[in-house]
Amino acid sequence: VGAPLKGRVLIVDDVMSAGTAARESIALIKAAGATPHAMAIALDRQEMATEKQADGSVQDVPHSAVQYVRNTLGMGVCCIAQLSDLLSYLSAQDGNEMGQHLPKVQAYRDRYGV
């Protein structure tokens, strides 16, 4: 943090959703003349990535942002947890305060997940 960007760079982020922040970080690192090498994230939301279309619109694609970074950009991605881990945890919390969040998180996964 605060050091000049040079050599290989590890990107550290709290969460990866659609991949917008990852793509912006990668572009900034490359523009500075450094090489984005890998990413470490706390939570992979396992969400569909988005891609900018020729007309400027943004469209969901059938792969996650983590899959895009790994497969298309060839970078390693280390995730501490995934949305599926959170769903498993919430499923085991039946009858307590945390368990009440399961339907909303599952609905999110159904709508945006890959």
Protein backbone atom coordinates (compact mmCIF):
# COMPACT_ATOMS: atom_id res chain seq x y z
CA VAL A 1 0.00 0.00 0.00
CA GLY A 2 1.46 3.30 -1.05
CA ALA A 3 4.52 1.74 -2.67
CA PRO A 4 5.25 2.35 -6.35
CA LEU A 5 3.69 -0.25 -8.60
CA LYS A 6 6.43 -2.38 -10.11
CA GLY A 7 7.12 -6.03 -10.75
CA ARG A 8 4.47 -8.61 -9.93
CA VAL A 9 1.50 -7.35 -7.90
CA LEU A 10 -0.87 -9.22 -5.60
CA ILE A 11 -4.35 -7.70 -5.53
CA VAL A 12 -6.09 -8.04 -2.14
CA ASP A 13 -9.83 -7.40 -1.88
CA ASP A 14 -12.65 -8.18 0.51
CA VAL A 15 -15.15 -9.59 -1.96
CA MET A 16 -15.42 -10.42 -5.64
CA SER A 17 -18.83 -10.02 -7.20
CA ALA A 18 -19.21 -9.19 -10.87
CA GLY A 19 -15.50 -8.46 -11.36
CA THR A 20 -15.68 -4.72 -12.01
CA ALA A 21 -13.19 -3.76 -9.27
CA ALA A 22 -10.83 -6.56 -10.34
CA ARG A 23 -10.80 -5.38 -13.96
CA GLU A 24 -10.24 -1.77 -12.87
CA SER A 25 -7.39 -2.78 -10.55
CA ILE A 26 -5.76 -4.85 -13.28
CA ALA A 27 -5.99 -1.95 -15.74
CA LEU A 28 -4.41 0.47 -13.22
CA ILE A 29 -1.58 -1.94 -12.44
CA LYS A 30 -0.83 -2.50 -16.13
CA ALA A 31 -1.00 1.25 -16.84
CA ALA A 32 1.66 1.78 -14.16
CA GLY A 33 3.93 -0.73 -15.93
CA ALA A 34 3.55 -3.51 -13.36
CA THR A 35 2.20 -7.04 -13.79
CA PRO A 36 -0.97 -8.17 -12.01
CA HIS A 37 0.02 -11.63 -10.76
CA ALA A 38 -2.72 -12.99 -8.48
CA MET A 39 -5.68 -12.06 -6.31
CA ALA A 40 -6.51 -12.85 -2.69
CA ILE A 41 -10.13 -12.28 -1.66
CA ALA A 42 -12.09 -12.92 1.50
CA LEU A 43 -15.38 -13.90 -0.17
CA ASP A 44 -16.14 -15.16 -3.66
CA ARG A 45 -19.83 -14.38 -4.11
CA GLN A 46 -19.88 -16.86 -7.03
CA GLU A 47 -21.80 -14.27 -8.98
CA MET A 48 -22.14 -13.98 -12.75
CA ALA A 49 -19.50 -11.69 -14.16
CA THR A 50 -20.49 -8.73 -16.29
CA GLU A 51 -18.95 -7.67 -19.56
CA LYS A 52 -19.18 -4.37 -21.37
CA GLN A 53 -20.76 -4.70 -24.80
CA ALA A 54 -19.78 -2.83 -27.98
CA ASP A 55 -22.74 -0.47 -27.51
CA GLY A 56 -21.56 0.43 -23.98
CA SER A 57 -24.18 -1.62 -22.17
CA VAL A 58 -23.27 -4.19 -19.53
CA GLN A 59 -24.44 -7.80 -19.76
CA ASP A 60 -24.24 -10.78 -17.37
CA VAL A 61 -22.19 -13.72 -18.66
CA PRO A 62 -22.46 -17.41 -17.68
CA HIS A 63 -19.20 -17.53 -15.70
CA SER A 64 -18.09 -15.96 -12.44
CA ALA A 65 -15.59 -13.16 -12.10
CA VAL A 66 -13.22 -15.57 -10.34
CA GLN A 67 -13.50 -17.99 -13.28
CA TYR A 68 -12.81 -15.10 -15.68
CA VAL A 69 -9.69 -14.01 -13.78
CA ARG A 70 -8.40 -17.59 -13.56
CA ASN A 71 -9.31 -18.88 -17.03
CA THR A 72 -9.13 -15.80 -19.26
CA LEU A 73 -6.45 -13.73 -17.54
CA GLY A 74 -4.44 -16.68 -16.27
CA MET A 75 -4.10 -15.25 -12.77
CA GLY A 76 -4.35 -17.23 -9.55
CA VAL A 77 -7.20 -16.41 -7.19
CA CYS A 78 -7.19 -17.49 -3.54
CA CYS A 79 -10.56 -17.28 -1.77
CA ILE A 80 -10.98 -17.62 2.00
CA ALA A 81 -14.69 -18.46 1.58
CA GLN A 82 -17.35 -18.75 -1.10
CA LEU A 83 -21.04 -17.95 -1.10
CA SER A 84 -21.72 -21.70 -0.98
CA ASP A 85 -19.85 -21.81 2.36
CA LEU A 86 -22.05 -19.04 3.71
CA LEU A 87 -25.19 -20.87 2.55
CA SER A 88 -24.02 -24.05 4.29
CA TYR A 89 -23.39 -22.13 7.49
CA LEU A 90 -26.78 -20.42 7.38
CA SER A 91 -28.50 -23.75 6.69
CA ALA A 92 -27.04 -25.09 9.94
CA GLN A 93 -28.40 -22.10 11.91
CA ASP A 94 -32.06 -23.14 11.78
CA GLY A 95 -34.02 -21.60 14.62
CA ASN A 96 -31.62 -18.81 15.54
CA GLU A 97 -31.11 -15.23 14.44
CA MET A 98 -28.55 -16.05 11.73
CA GLY A 99 -30.76 -18.71 10.17
CA GLN A 100 -33.40 -16.15 9.27
CA HIS A 101 -31.08 -14.76 6.57
CA LEU A 102 -30.95 -18.02 4.59
CA PRO A 103 -33.97 -17.34 2.31
CA LYS A 104 -32.65 -13.95 1.21
CA VAL A 105 -29.12 -15.21 0.59
CA GLN A 106 -30.50 -18.21 -1.33
CA ALA A 107 -32.71 -15.90 -3.42
CA TYR A 108 -29.63 -13.82 -4.21
CA ARG A 109 -27.75 -16.95 -5.27
CA ASP A 110 -30.68 -18.09 -7.42
CA ARG A 111 -30.80 -14.71 -9.19
CA TYR A 112 -27.09 -13.91 -9.64
CA GLY A 113 -25.16 -17.12 -9.03
CA VAL A 114 -23.29 -19.28 -11.50
